[in-house]
Amino acid sequence: MGTALIYLLVMIVVAGVVFVGVSLLFGRGEELAPLPPGATPTKLPAQDVQPRDVRDLRFQQVLRGYKMSEVDWVLDRLAGELETVRRDRDALAAKVTELEAQASTPG
């Protein structure tokens, strides 16, 4: 009888330690409070985002989150697309300036 009681007490202590450990590791499962309107958990300029800004983005690493390699791939692709769009925009702006100069020159 004494052995069974000791066994039961040890099981209760082990279960309590496991419960506390899992609670500390994973949290209690409560939802986080929403961010205030206009707030963002990452740092980006309010306007004129550069490709460098996208490449420099880093997100918090959490146990239950996104796969880091996929996030890095998306950020690299977005930065590349942003570079392409800006390069095309600058080329078109230069072409418009050139055409306006040609149109204003009496010929």
PDB file of N, CA and C in Angstrom:
ATOM      1  N   MET A   1       0.823  -1.195   0.000  1.00  0.00           N
ATOM      2  CA  MET A   1       0.000   0.000   0.000  1.00  0.00           C
ATOM      3  C   MET A   1       0.865   1.256   0.000  1.00  0.00           C
ATOM      4  N   GLY A   2       1.939   1.240   0.789  1.00  0.00           N
ATOM      5  CA  GLY A   2       2.831   2.389   0.859  1.00  0.00           C
ATOM      6  C   GLY A   2       3.525   2.643  -0.464  1.00  0.00           C
ATOM      7  N   THR A   3       3.880   1.570  -1.172  1.00  0.00           N
ATOM      8  CA  THR A   3       4.544   1.709  -2.467  1.00  0.00           C
ATOM      9  C   THR A   3       3.598   2.344  -3.487  1.00  0.00           C
ATOM     10  N   ALA A   4       2.355   1.938  -3.473  1.00  0.00           N
ATOM     11  CA  ALA A   4       1.373   2.496  -4.402  1.00  0.00           C
ATOM     12  C   ALA A   4       1.164   3.982  -4.125  1.00  0.00           C
ATOM     13  N   LEU A   5       1.148   4.370  -2.867  1.00  0.00           N
ATOM     14  CA  LEU A   5       0.975   5.779  -2.510  1.00  0.00           C
ATOM     15  C   LEU A   5       2.176   6.612  -2.970  1.00  0.00           C
ATOM     16  N   ILE A   6       3.376   6.086  -2.756  1.00  0.00           N
ATOM     17  CA  ILE A   6       4.583   6.791  -3.208  1.00  0.00           C
ATOM     18  C   ILE A   6       4.576   6.903  -4.738  1.00  0.00           C
ATOM     19  N   TYR A   7       4.202   5.812  -5.409  1.00  0.00           N
ATOM     20  CA  TYR A   7       4.119   5.816  -6.873  1.00  0.00           C
ATOM     21  C   TYR A   7       3.132   6.880  -7.351  1.00  0.00           C
ATOM     22  N   LEU A   8       1.991   6.980  -6.703  1.00  0.00           N
ATOM     23  CA  LEU A   8       0.979   7.967  -7.062  1.00  0.00           C
ATOM     24  C   LEU A   8       1.488   9.393  -6.840  1.00  0.00           C
ATOM     25  N   LEU A   9       2.162   9.631  -5.729  1.00  0.00           N
ATOM     26  CA  LEU A   9       2.704  10.962  -5.446  1.00  0.00           C
ATOM     27  C   LEU A   9       3.782  11.350  -6.464  1.00  0.00           C
ATOM     28  N   VAL A  10       4.645  10.404  -6.820  1.00  0.00           N
ATOM     29  CA  VAL A  10       5.684  10.678  -7.818  1.00  0.00           C
ATOM     30  C   VAL A  10       5.040  11.004  -9.165  1.00  0.00           C
ATOM     31  N   MET A  11       3.995  10.269  -9.539  1.00  0.00           N
ATOM     32  CA  MET A  11       3.295  10.526 -10.804  1.00  0.00           C
ATOM     33  C   MET A  11       2.675  11.928 -10.798  1.00  0.00           C
ATOM     34  N   ILE A  12       2.100  12.336  -9.687  1.00  0.00           N
ATOM     35  CA  ILE A  12       1.494  13.667  -9.584  1.00  0.00           C
ATOM     36  C   ILE A  12       2.562  14.751  -9.702  1.00  0.00           C
ATOM     37  N   VAL A  13       3.702  14.560  -9.046  1.00  0.00           N
ATOM     38  CA  VAL A  13       4.789  15.537  -9.118  1.00  0.00           C
ATOM     39  C   VAL A  13       5.330  15.624 -10.547  1.00  0.00           C
ATOM     40  N   VAL A  14       5.547  14.486 -11.189  1.00  0.00           N
ATOM     41  CA  VAL A  14       6.052  14.477 -12.566  1.00  0.00           C
ATOM     42  C   VAL A  14       5.048  15.156 -13.497  1.00  0.00           C
ATOM     43  N   ALA A  15       3.768  14.860 -13.338  1.00  0.00           N
ATOM     44  CA  ALA A  15       2.742  15.487 -14.171  1.00  0.00           C
ATOM     45  C   ALA A  15       2.733  17.002 -13.955  1.00  0.00           C
ATOM     46  N   GLY A  16       2.888  17.439 -12.720  1.00  0.00           N
ATOM     47  CA  GLY A  16       2.929  18.876 -12.432  1.00  0.00           C
ATOM     48  C   GLY A  16       4.130  19.551 -13.070  1.00  0.00           C
ATOM     49  N   VAL A  17       5.294  18.912 -12.999  1.00  0.00           N
ATOM     50  CA  VAL A  17       6.502  19.476 -13.603  1.00  0.00           C
ATOM     51  C   VAL A  17       6.348  19.550 -15.126  1.00  0.00           C
ATOM     52  N   VAL A  18       5.809  18.495 -15.728  1.00  0.00           N
ATOM     53  CA  VAL A  18       5.588  18.497 -17.178  1.00  0.00           C
ATOM     54  C   VAL A  18       4.594  19.592 -17.556  1.00  0.00           C
ATOM     55  N   PHE A  19       3.525  19.739 -16.793  1.00  0.00           N
ATOM     56  CA  PHE A  19       2.525  20.773 -17.082  1.00  0.00           C
ATOM     57  C   PHE A  19       3.141  22.164 -17.021  1.00  0.00           C
ATOM     58  N   VAL A  20       3.909  22.443 -15.977  1.00  0.00           N
ATOM     59  CA  VAL A  20       4.542  23.757 -15.834  1.00  0.00           C
ATOM     60  C   VAL A  20       5.535  23.987 -16.975  1.00  0.00           C
ATOM     61  N   GLY A  21       6.325  22.971 -17.310  1.00  0.00           N
ATOM     62  CA  GLY A  21       7.296  23.105 -18.401  1.00  0.00           C
ATOM     63  C   GLY A  21       6.626  23.393 -19.733  1.00  0.00           C
ATOM     64  N   VAL A  22       5.565  22.656 -20.038  1.00  0.00           N
ATOM     65  CA  VAL A  22       4.846  22.870 -21.296  1.00  0.00           C
ATOM     66  C   VAL A  22       4.171  24.239 -21.294  1.00  0.00           C
ATOM     67  N   SER A  23       3.626  24.652 -20.160  1.00  0.00           N
ATOM     68  CA  SER A  23       2.990  25.974 -20.076  1.00  0.00           C
ATOM     69  C   SER A  23       3.998  27.094 -20.315  1.00  0.00           C
ATOM     70  N   LEU A  24       5.190  26.948 -19.772  1.00  0.00           N
ATOM     71  CA  LEU A  24       6.217  27.968 -19.980  1.00  0.00           C
ATOM     72  C   LEU A  24       6.717  27.970 -21.420  1.00  0.00           C
ATOM     73  N   LEU A  25       6.810  26.798 -22.020  1.00  0.00           N
ATOM     74  CA  LEU A  25       7.326  26.693 -23.378  1.00  0.00           C
ATOM     75  C   LEU A  25       6.331  27.199 -24.414  1.00  0.00           C
ATOM     76  N   PHE A  26       5.084  26.788 -24.308  1.00  0.00           N
ATOM     77  CA  PHE A  26       4.087  27.112 -25.322  1.00  0.00           C
ATOM     78  C   PHE A  26       3.154  28.253 -24.934  1.00  0.00           C
ATOM     79  N   GLY A  27       3.159  28.684 -23.719  1.00  0.00           N
ATOM     80  CA  GLY A  27       2.239  29.729 -23.284  1.00  0.00           C
ATOM     81  C   GLY A  27       0.896  29.144 -22.899  1.00  0.00           C
ATOM     82  N   ARG A  28       0.015  30.012 -22.496  1.00  0.00           N
ATOM     83  CA  ARG A  28      -1.291  29.542 -22.031  1.00  0.00           C
ATOM     84  C   ARG A  28      -2.312  29.488 -23.150  1.00  0.00           C
ATOM     85  N   GLY A  29      -1.961  29.914 -24.338  1.00  0.00           N
ATOM     86  CA  GLY A  29      -2.881  29.841 -25.463  1.00  0.00           C
ATOM     87  C   GLY A  29      -3.785  31.048 -25.599  1.00  0.00           C
ATOM     88  N   GLU A  30      -3.550  32.073 -24.793  1.00  0.00           N
ATOM     89  CA  GLU A  30      -4.402  33.258 -24.899  1.00  0.00           C
ATOM     90  C   GLU A  30      -4.037  34.040 -26.157  1.00  0.00           C
ATOM     91  N   GLU A  31      -4.994  34.775 -26.670  1.00  0.00           N
ATOM     92  CA  GLU A  31      -4.750  35.602 -27.843  1.00  0.00           C
ATOM     93  C   GLU A  31      -4.062  36.892 -27.421  1.00  0.00           C
ATOM     94  N   LEU A  32      -3.199  37.376 -28.299  1.00  0.00           N
ATOM     95  CA  LEU A  32      -2.537  38.644 -28.032  1.00  0.00           C
ATOM     96  C   LEU A  32      -3.501  39.792 -28.291  1.00  0.00           C
ATOM     97  N   ALA A  33      -3.292  40.859 -27.588  1.00  0.00           N
ATOM     98  CA  ALA A  33      -4.113  42.050 -27.816  1.00  0.00           C
ATOM     99  C   ALA A  33      -3.815  42.591 -29.208  1.00  0.00           C
ATOM    100  N   PRO A  34      -4.825  43.098 -29.908  1.00  0.00           N
ATOM    101  CA  PRO A  34      -4.572  43.623 -31.250  1.00  0.00           C
ATOM    102  C   PRO A  34      -3.672  44.854 -31.198  1.00  0.00           C
ATOM    103  N   LEU A  35      -2.913  45.030 -32.269  1.00  0.00           N
ATOM    104  CA  LEU A  35      -2.064  46.214 -32.360  1.00  0.00           C
ATOM    105  C   LEU A  35      -2.934  47.450 -32.559  1.00  0.00           C
ATOM    106  N   PRO A  36      -2.488  48.590 -32.100  1.00  0.00           N
ATOM    107  CA  PRO A  36      -3.241  49.820 -32.349  1.00  0.00           C
ATOM    108  C   PRO A  36      -3.334  50.081 -33.853  1.00  0.00           C
ATOM    109  N   PRO A  37      -4.363  50.787 -34.292  1.00  0.00           N
ATOM    110  CA  PRO A  37      -4.498  51.073 -35.720  1.00  0.00           C
ATOM    111  C   PRO A  37      -3.260  51.787 -36.265  1.00  0.00           C
ATOM    112  N   GLY A  38      -2.789  51.324 -37.395  1.00  0.00           N
ATOM    113  CA  GLY A  38      -1.627  51.937 -38.028  1.00  0.00           C
ATOM    114  C   GLY A  38      -0.295  51.435 -37.511  1.00  0.00           C
ATOM    115  N   ALA A  39      -0.300  50.579 -36.500  1.00  0.00           N
ATOM    116  CA  ALA A  39       0.952  50.064 -35.946  1.00  0.00           C
ATOM    117  C   ALA A  39       1.368  48.811 -36.701  1.00  0.00           C
ATOM    118  N   THR A  40       2.656  48.573 -36.749  1.00  0.00           N
ATOM    119  CA  THR A  40       3.178  47.375 -37.390  1.00  0.00           C
ATOM    120  C   THR A  40       4.262  46.773 -36.508  1.00  0.00           C
ATOM    121  N   PRO A  41       4.354  45.458 -36.449  1.00  0.00           N
ATOM    122  CA  PRO A  41       5.377  44.849 -35.607  1.00  0.00           C
ATOM    123  C   PRO A  41       6.764  44.892 -36.237  1.00  0.00           C
ATOM    124  N   THR A  42       6.859  45.251 -37.500  1.00  0.00           N
ATOM    125  CA  THR A  42       8.149  45.328 -38.171  1.00  0.00           C
ATOM    126  C   THR A  42       8.466  46.781 -38.482  1.00  0.00           C
ATOM    127  N   LYS A  43       9.696  47.030 -38.825  1.00  0.00           N
ATOM    128  CA  LYS A  43      10.133  48.401 -39.100  1.00  0.00           C
ATOM    129  C   LYS A  43      10.261  48.607 -40.605  1.00  0.00           C
ATOM    130  N   LEU A  44       9.433  49.477 -41.137  1.00  0.00           N
ATOM    131  CA  LEU A  44       9.487  49.887 -42.542  1.00  0.00           C
ATOM    132  C   LEU A  44       9.237  51.383 -42.607  1.00  0.00           C
ATOM    133  N   PRO A  45       9.844  52.061 -43.572  1.00  0.00           N
ATOM    134  CA  PRO A  45       9.547  53.486 -43.723  1.00  0.00           C
ATOM    135  C   PRO A  45       8.073  53.692 -44.057  1.00  0.00           C
ATOM    136  N   ALA A  46       7.531  54.806 -43.655  1.00  0.00           N
ATOM    137  CA  ALA A  46       6.122  55.086 -43.927  1.00  0.00           C
ATOM    138  C   ALA A  46       5.877  55.244 -45.421  1.00  0.00           C
ATOM    139  N   GLN A  47       6.846  55.785 -46.134  1.00  0.00           N
ATOM    140  CA  GLN A  47       6.721  55.977 -47.584  1.00  0.00           C
ATOM    141  C   GLN A  47       8.058  55.677 -48.234  1.00  0.00           C
ATOM    142  N   ASP A  48       8.033  55.499 -49.542  1.00  0.00           N
ATOM    143  CA  ASP A  48       9.233  55.301 -50.349  1.00  0.00           C
ATOM    144  C   ASP A  48      10.069  54.123 -49.841  1.00  0.00           C
ATOM    145  N   VAL A  49       9.462  52.955 -49.831  1.00  0.00           N
ATOM    146  CA  VAL A  49      10.160  51.741 -49.398  1.00  0.00           C
ATOM    147  C   VAL A  49      11.180  51.360 -50.461  1.00  0.00           C
ATOM    148  N   GLN A  50      12.402  51.180 -50.044  1.00  0.00           N
ATOM    149  CA  GLN A  50      13.491  50.807 -50.941  1.00  0.00           C
ATOM    150  C   GLN A  50      13.692  49.288 -50.911  1.00  0.00           C
ATOM    151  N   PRO A  51      14.296  48.710 -51.970  1.00  0.00           N
ATOM    152  CA  PRO A  51      14.592  47.271 -51.944  1.00  0.00           C
ATOM    153  C   PRO A  51      15.443  46.878 -50.737  1.00  0.00           C
ATOM    154  N   ARG A  52      16.356  47.752 -50.354  1.00  0.00           N
ATOM    155  CA  ARG A  52      17.194  47.481 -49.186  1.00  0.00           C
ATOM    156  C   ARG A  52      16.340  47.321 -47.924  1.00  0.00           C
ATOM    157  N   ASP A  53      15.269  48.136 -47.821  1.00  0.00           N
ATOM    158  CA  ASP A  53      14.379  48.044 -46.661  1.00  0.00           C
ATOM    159  C   ASP A  53      13.718  46.676 -46.595  1.00  0.00           C
ATOM    160  N   VAL A  54      13.318  46.163 -47.762  1.00  0.00           N
ATOM    161  CA  VAL A  54      12.675  44.845 -47.794  1.00  0.00           C
ATOM    162  C   VAL A  54      13.686  43.762 -47.430  1.00  0.00           C
ATOM    163  N   ARG A  55      14.899  43.873 -47.976  1.00  0.00           N
ATOM    164  CA  ARG A  55      15.924  42.862 -47.673  1.00  0.00           C
ATOM    165  C   ARG A  55      16.333  42.892 -46.200  1.00  0.00           C
ATOM    166  N   ASP A  56      16.282  44.058 -45.582  1.00  0.00           N
ATOM    167  CA  ASP A  56      16.692  44.185 -44.180  1.00  0.00           C
ATOM    168  C   ASP A  56      15.605  43.784 -43.191  1.00  0.00           C
ATOM    169  N   LEU A  57      14.398  43.503 -43.689  1.00  0.00           N
ATOM    170  CA  LEU A  57      13.314  43.107 -42.786  1.00  0.00           C
ATOM    171  C   LEU A  57      13.666  41.821 -42.055  1.00  0.00           C
ATOM    172  N   ARG A  58      13.383  41.779 -40.798  1.00  0.00           N
ATOM    173  CA  ARG A  58      13.551  40.571 -39.996  1.00  0.00           C
ATOM    174  C   ARG A  58      12.323  40.440 -39.122  1.00  0.00           C
ATOM    175  N   PHE A  59      11.827  39.230 -39.029  1.00  0.00           N
ATOM    176  CA  PHE A  59      10.647  38.953 -38.230  1.00  0.00           C
ATOM    177  C   PHE A  59      11.059  38.189 -36.983  1.00  0.00           C
ATOM    178  N   GLN A  60      10.255  38.302 -35.943  1.00  0.00           N
ATOM    179  CA  GLN A  60      10.532  37.563 -34.718  1.00  0.00           C
ATOM    180  C   GLN A  60      10.412  36.077 -34.986  1.00  0.00           C
ATOM    181  N   GLN A  61      11.301  35.315 -34.384  1.00  0.00           N
ATOM    182  CA  GLN A  61      11.221  33.869 -34.510  1.00  0.00           C
ATOM    183  C   GLN A  61      10.421  33.332 -33.331  1.00  0.00           C
ATOM    184  N   VAL A  62       9.403  32.579 -33.655  1.00  0.00           N
ATOM    185  CA  VAL A  62       8.563  31.984 -32.626  1.00  0.00           C
ATOM    186  C   VAL A  62       8.437  30.499 -32.905  1.00  0.00           C
ATOM    187  N   LEU A  63       8.020  29.762 -31.887  1.00  0.00           N
ATOM    188  CA  LEU A  63       7.895  28.321 -32.041  1.00  0.00           C
ATOM    189  C   LEU A  63       6.858  27.981 -33.097  1.00  0.00           C
ATOM    190  N   ARG A  64       5.713  28.622 -33.018  1.00  0.00           N
ATOM    191  CA  ARG A  64       4.669  28.386 -34.019  1.00  0.00           C
ATOM    192  C   ARG A  64       4.632  29.580 -34.948  1.00  0.00           C
ATOM    193  N   GLY A  65       5.362  29.513 -36.034  1.00  0.00           N
ATOM    194  CA  GLY A  65       5.429  30.645 -36.947  1.00  0.00           C
ATOM    195  C   GLY A  65       5.643  30.181 -38.367  1.00  0.00           C
ATOM    196  N   TYR A  66       6.234  31.051 -39.164  1.00  0.00           N
ATOM    197  CA  TYR A  66       6.458  30.752 -40.564  1.00  0.00           C
ATOM    198  C   TYR A  66       7.831  30.128 -40.752  1.00  0.00           C
ATOM    199  N   LYS A  67       7.991  29.417 -41.855  1.00  0.00           N
ATOM    200  CA  LYS A  67       9.274  28.815 -42.183  1.00  0.00           C
ATOM    201  C   LYS A  67      10.209  29.931 -42.649  1.00  0.00           C
ATOM    202  N   MET A  68      11.344  30.063 -41.997  1.00  0.00           N
ATOM    203  CA  MET A  68      12.249  31.184 -42.260  1.00  0.00           C
ATOM    204  C   MET A  68      12.709  31.224 -43.713  1.00  0.00           C
ATOM    205  N   SER A  69      12.995  30.083 -44.307  1.00  0.00           N
ATOM    206  CA  SER A  69      13.489  30.077 -45.687  1.00  0.00           C
ATOM    207  C   SER A  69      12.429  30.604 -46.654  1.00  0.00           C
ATOM    208  N   GLU A  70      11.163  30.316 -46.391  1.00  0.00           N
ATOM    209  CA  GLU A  70      10.097  30.821 -47.257  1.00  0.00           C
ATOM    210  C   GLU A  70       9.933  32.328 -47.111  1.00  0.00           C
ATOM    211  N   VAL A  71      10.010  32.823 -45.884  1.00  0.00           N
ATOM    212  CA  VAL A  71       9.900  34.271 -45.656  1.00  0.00           C
ATOM    213  C   VAL A  71      11.064  34.988 -46.334  1.00  0.00           C
ATOM    214  N   ASP A  72      12.286  34.449 -46.183  1.00  0.00           N
ATOM    215  CA  ASP A  72      13.446  35.066 -46.824  1.00  0.00           C
ATOM    216  C   ASP A  72      13.303  35.063 -48.345  1.00  0.00           C
ATOM    217  N   TRP A  73      12.774  33.966 -48.904  1.00  0.00           N
ATOM    218  CA  TRP A  73      12.583  33.879 -50.354  1.00  0.00           C
ATOM    219  C   TRP A  73      11.603  34.955 -50.829  1.00  0.00           C
ATOM    220  N   VAL A  74      10.496  35.105 -50.104  1.00  0.00           N
ATOM    221  CA  VAL A  74       9.495  36.109 -50.488  1.00  0.00           C
ATOM    222  C   VAL A  74      10.083  37.515 -50.391  1.00  0.00           C
ATOM    223  N   LEU A  75      10.827  37.792 -49.329  1.00  0.00           N
ATOM    224  CA  LEU A  75      11.424  39.123 -49.176  1.00  0.00           C
ATOM    225  C   LEU A  75      12.423  39.407 -50.293  1.00  0.00           C
ATOM    226  N   ASP A  76      13.241  38.416 -50.660  1.00  0.00           N
ATOM    227  CA  ASP A  76      14.189  38.608 -51.762  1.00  0.00           C
ATOM    228  C   ASP A  76      13.459  38.856 -53.075  1.00  0.00           C
ATOM    229  N   ARG A  77      12.396  38.108 -53.302  1.00  0.00           N
ATOM    230  CA  ARG A  77      11.645  38.285 -54.549  1.00  0.00           C
ATOM    231  C   ARG A  77      10.977  39.663 -54.592  1.00  0.00           C
ATOM    232  N   LEU A  78      10.382  40.082 -53.473  1.00  0.00           N
ATOM    233  CA  LEU A  78       9.755  41.408 -53.434  1.00  0.00           C
ATOM    234  C   LEU A  78      10.777  42.519 -53.650  1.00  0.00           C
ATOM    235  N   ALA A  79      11.951  42.370 -53.045  1.00  0.00           N
ATOM    236  CA  ALA A  79      12.991  43.381 -53.230  1.00  0.00           C
ATOM    237  C   ALA A  79      13.430  43.432 -54.688  1.00  0.00           C
ATOM    238  N   GLY A  80      13.564  42.277 -55.326  1.00  0.00           N
ATOM    239  CA  GLY A  80      13.923  42.247 -56.745  1.00  0.00           C
ATOM    240  C   GLY A  80      12.867  42.896 -57.618  1.00  0.00           C
ATOM    241  N   GLU A  81      11.607  42.591 -57.331  1.00  0.00           N
ATOM    242  CA  GLU A  81      10.510  43.209 -58.095  1.00  0.00           C
ATOM    243  C   GLU A  81      10.497  44.724 -57.897  1.00  0.00           C
ATOM    244  N   LEU A  82      10.749  45.160 -56.680  1.00  0.00           N
ATOM    245  CA  LEU A  82      10.777  46.593 -56.392  1.00  0.00           C
ATOM    246  C   LEU A  82      11.906  47.279 -57.156  1.00  0.00           C
ATOM    247  N   GLU A  83      13.070  46.623 -57.214  1.00  0.00           N
ATOM    248  CA  GLU A  83      14.183  47.176 -57.989  1.00  0.00           C
ATOM    249  C   GLU A  83      13.811  47.296 -59.467  1.00  0.00           C
ATOM    250  N   THR A  84      13.182  46.258 -60.011  1.00  0.00           N
ATOM    251  CA  THR A  84      12.788  46.265 -61.424  1.00  0.00           C
ATOM    252  C   THR A  84      11.789  47.378 -61.710  1.00  0.00           C
ATOM    253  N   VAL A  85      10.796  47.517 -60.848  1.00  0.00           N
ATOM    254  CA  VAL A  85       9.779  48.557 -61.044  1.00  0.00           C
ATOM    255  C   VAL A  85      10.408  49.943 -60.983  1.00  0.00           C
ATOM    256  N   ARG A  86      11.282  50.168 -60.034  1.00  0.00           N
ATOM    257  CA  ARG A  86      11.924  51.483 -59.913  1.00  0.00           C
ATOM    258  C   ARG A  86      12.834  51.770 -61.107  1.00  0.00           C
ATOM    259  N   ARG A  87      13.567  50.751 -61.560  1.00  0.00           N
ATOM    260  CA  ARG A  87      14.437  50.932 -62.722  1.00  0.00           C
ATOM    261  C   ARG A  87      13.605  51.271 -63.964  1.00  0.00           C
ATOM    262  N   ASP A  88      12.505  50.545 -64.163  1.00  0.00           N
ATOM    263  CA  ASP A  88      11.619  50.823 -65.302  1.00  0.00           C
ATOM    264  C   ASP A  88      11.004  52.217 -65.198  1.00  0.00           C
ATOM    265  N   ARG A  89      10.598  52.596 -63.990  1.00  0.00           N
ATOM    266  CA  ARG A  89      10.012  53.924 -63.789  1.00  0.00           C
ATOM    267  C   ARG A  89      11.015  55.021 -64.123  1.00  0.00           C
ATOM    268  N   ASP A  90      12.255  54.841 -63.659  1.00  0.00           N
ATOM    269  CA  ASP A  90      13.281  55.848 -63.933  1.00  0.00           C
ATOM    270  C   ASP A  90      13.591  55.931 -65.424  1.00  0.00           C
ATOM    271  N   ALA A  91      13.623  54.781 -66.100  1.00  0.00           N
ATOM    272  CA  ALA A  91      13.878  54.769 -67.545  1.00  0.00           C
ATOM    273  C   ALA A  91      12.743  55.467 -68.291  1.00  0.00           C
ATOM    274  N   LEU A  92      11.512  55.204 -67.886  1.00  0.00           N
ATOM    275  CA  LEU A  92      10.369  55.855 -68.533  1.00  0.00           C
ATOM    276  C   LEU A  92      10.354  57.359 -68.262  1.00  0.00           C
ATOM    277  N   ALA A  93      10.703  57.758 -67.048  1.00  0.00           N
ATOM    278  CA  ALA A  93      10.752  59.191 -66.731  1.00  0.00           C
ATOM    279  C   ALA A  93      11.818  59.881 -67.572  1.00  0.00           C
ATOM    280  N   ALA A  94      12.960  59.225 -67.763  1.00  0.00           N
ATOM    281  CA  ALA A  94      14.013  59.802 -68.601  1.00  0.00           C
ATOM    282  C   ALA A  94      13.542  59.909 -70.050  1.00  0.00           C
ATOM    283  N   LYS A  95      12.830  58.899 -70.513  1.00  0.00           N
ATOM    284  CA  LYS A  95      12.310  58.918 -71.889  1.00  0.00           C
ATOM    285  C   LYS A  95      11.287  60.043 -72.064  1.00  0.00           C
ATOM    286  N   VAL A  96      10.410  60.229 -71.080  1.00  0.00           N
ATOM    287  CA  VAL A  96       9.419  61.310 -71.138  1.00  0.00           C
ATOM    288  C   VAL A  96      10.128  62.660 -71.186  1.00  0.00           C
ATOM    289  N   THR A  97      11.133  62.838 -70.360  1.00  0.00           N
ATOM    290  CA  THR A  97      11.890  64.092 -70.352  1.00  0.00           C
ATOM    291  C   THR A  97      12.537  64.332 -71.712  1.00  0.00           C
ATOM    292  N   GLU A  98      13.103  63.275 -72.274  1.00  0.00           N
ATOM    293  CA  GLU A  98      13.741  63.386 -73.593  1.00  0.00           C
ATOM    294  C   GLU A  98      12.721  63.758 -74.672  1.00  0.00           C
ATOM    295  N   LEU A  99      11.563  63.107 -74.649  1.00  0.00           N
ATOM    296  CA  LEU A  99      10.529  63.393 -75.643  1.00  0.00           C
ATOM    297  C   LEU A  99       9.950  64.798 -75.471  1.00  0.00           C
ATOM    298  N   GLU A 100       9.801  65.240 -74.220  1.00  0.00           N
ATOM    299  CA  GLU A 100       9.321  66.603 -73.985  1.00  0.00           C
ATOM    300  C   GLU A 100      10.324  67.624 -74.503  1.00  0.00           C
ATOM    301  N   ALA A 101      11.606  67.328 -74.317  1.00  0.00           N
ATOM    302  CA  ALA A 101      12.637  68.241 -74.813  1.00  0.00           C
ATOM    303  C   ALA A 101      12.610  68.294 -76.336  1.00  0.00           C
ATOM    304  N   GLN A 102      12.412  67.142 -76.965  1.00  0.00           N
ATOM    305  CA  GLN A 102      12.333  67.107 -78.429  1.00  0.00           C
ATOM    306  C   GLN A 102      11.093  67.848 -78.928  1.00  0.00           C
ATOM    307  N   ALA A 103       9.982  67.697 -78.209  1.00  0.00           N
ATOM    308  CA  ALA A 103       8.735  68.341 -78.630  1.00  0.00           C
ATOM    309  C   ALA A 103       8.805  69.854 -78.466  1.00  0.00           C
ATOM    310  N   SER A 104       9.538  70.331 -77.478  1.00  0.00           N
ATOM    311  CA  SER A 104       9.607  71.772 -77.247  1.00  0.00           C
ATOM    312  C   SER A 104      10.630  72.446 -78.153  1.00  0.00           C
ATOM    313  N   THR A 105      11.507  71.663 -78.758  1.00  0.00           N
ATOM    314  CA  THR A 105      12.499  72.230 -79.671  1.00  0.00           C
ATOM    315  C   THR A 105      11.845  72.470 -81.030  1.00  0.00           C
ATOM    316  N   PRO A 106      11.903  73.719 -81.511  1.00  0.00           N
ATOM    317  CA  PRO A 106      11.302  73.968 -82.831  1.00  0.00           C
ATOM    318  C   PRO A 106      12.103  73.230 -83.899  1.00  0.00           C
ATOM    319  N   GLY A 107      11.399  72.554 -84.724  1.00  0.00           N
ATOM    320  CA  GLY A 107      12.159  71.763 -85.635  1.00  0.00           C
ATOM    321  C   GLY A 107      11.718  71.748 -86.985  1.00  0.00           C
TER     322      GLY A 107
END
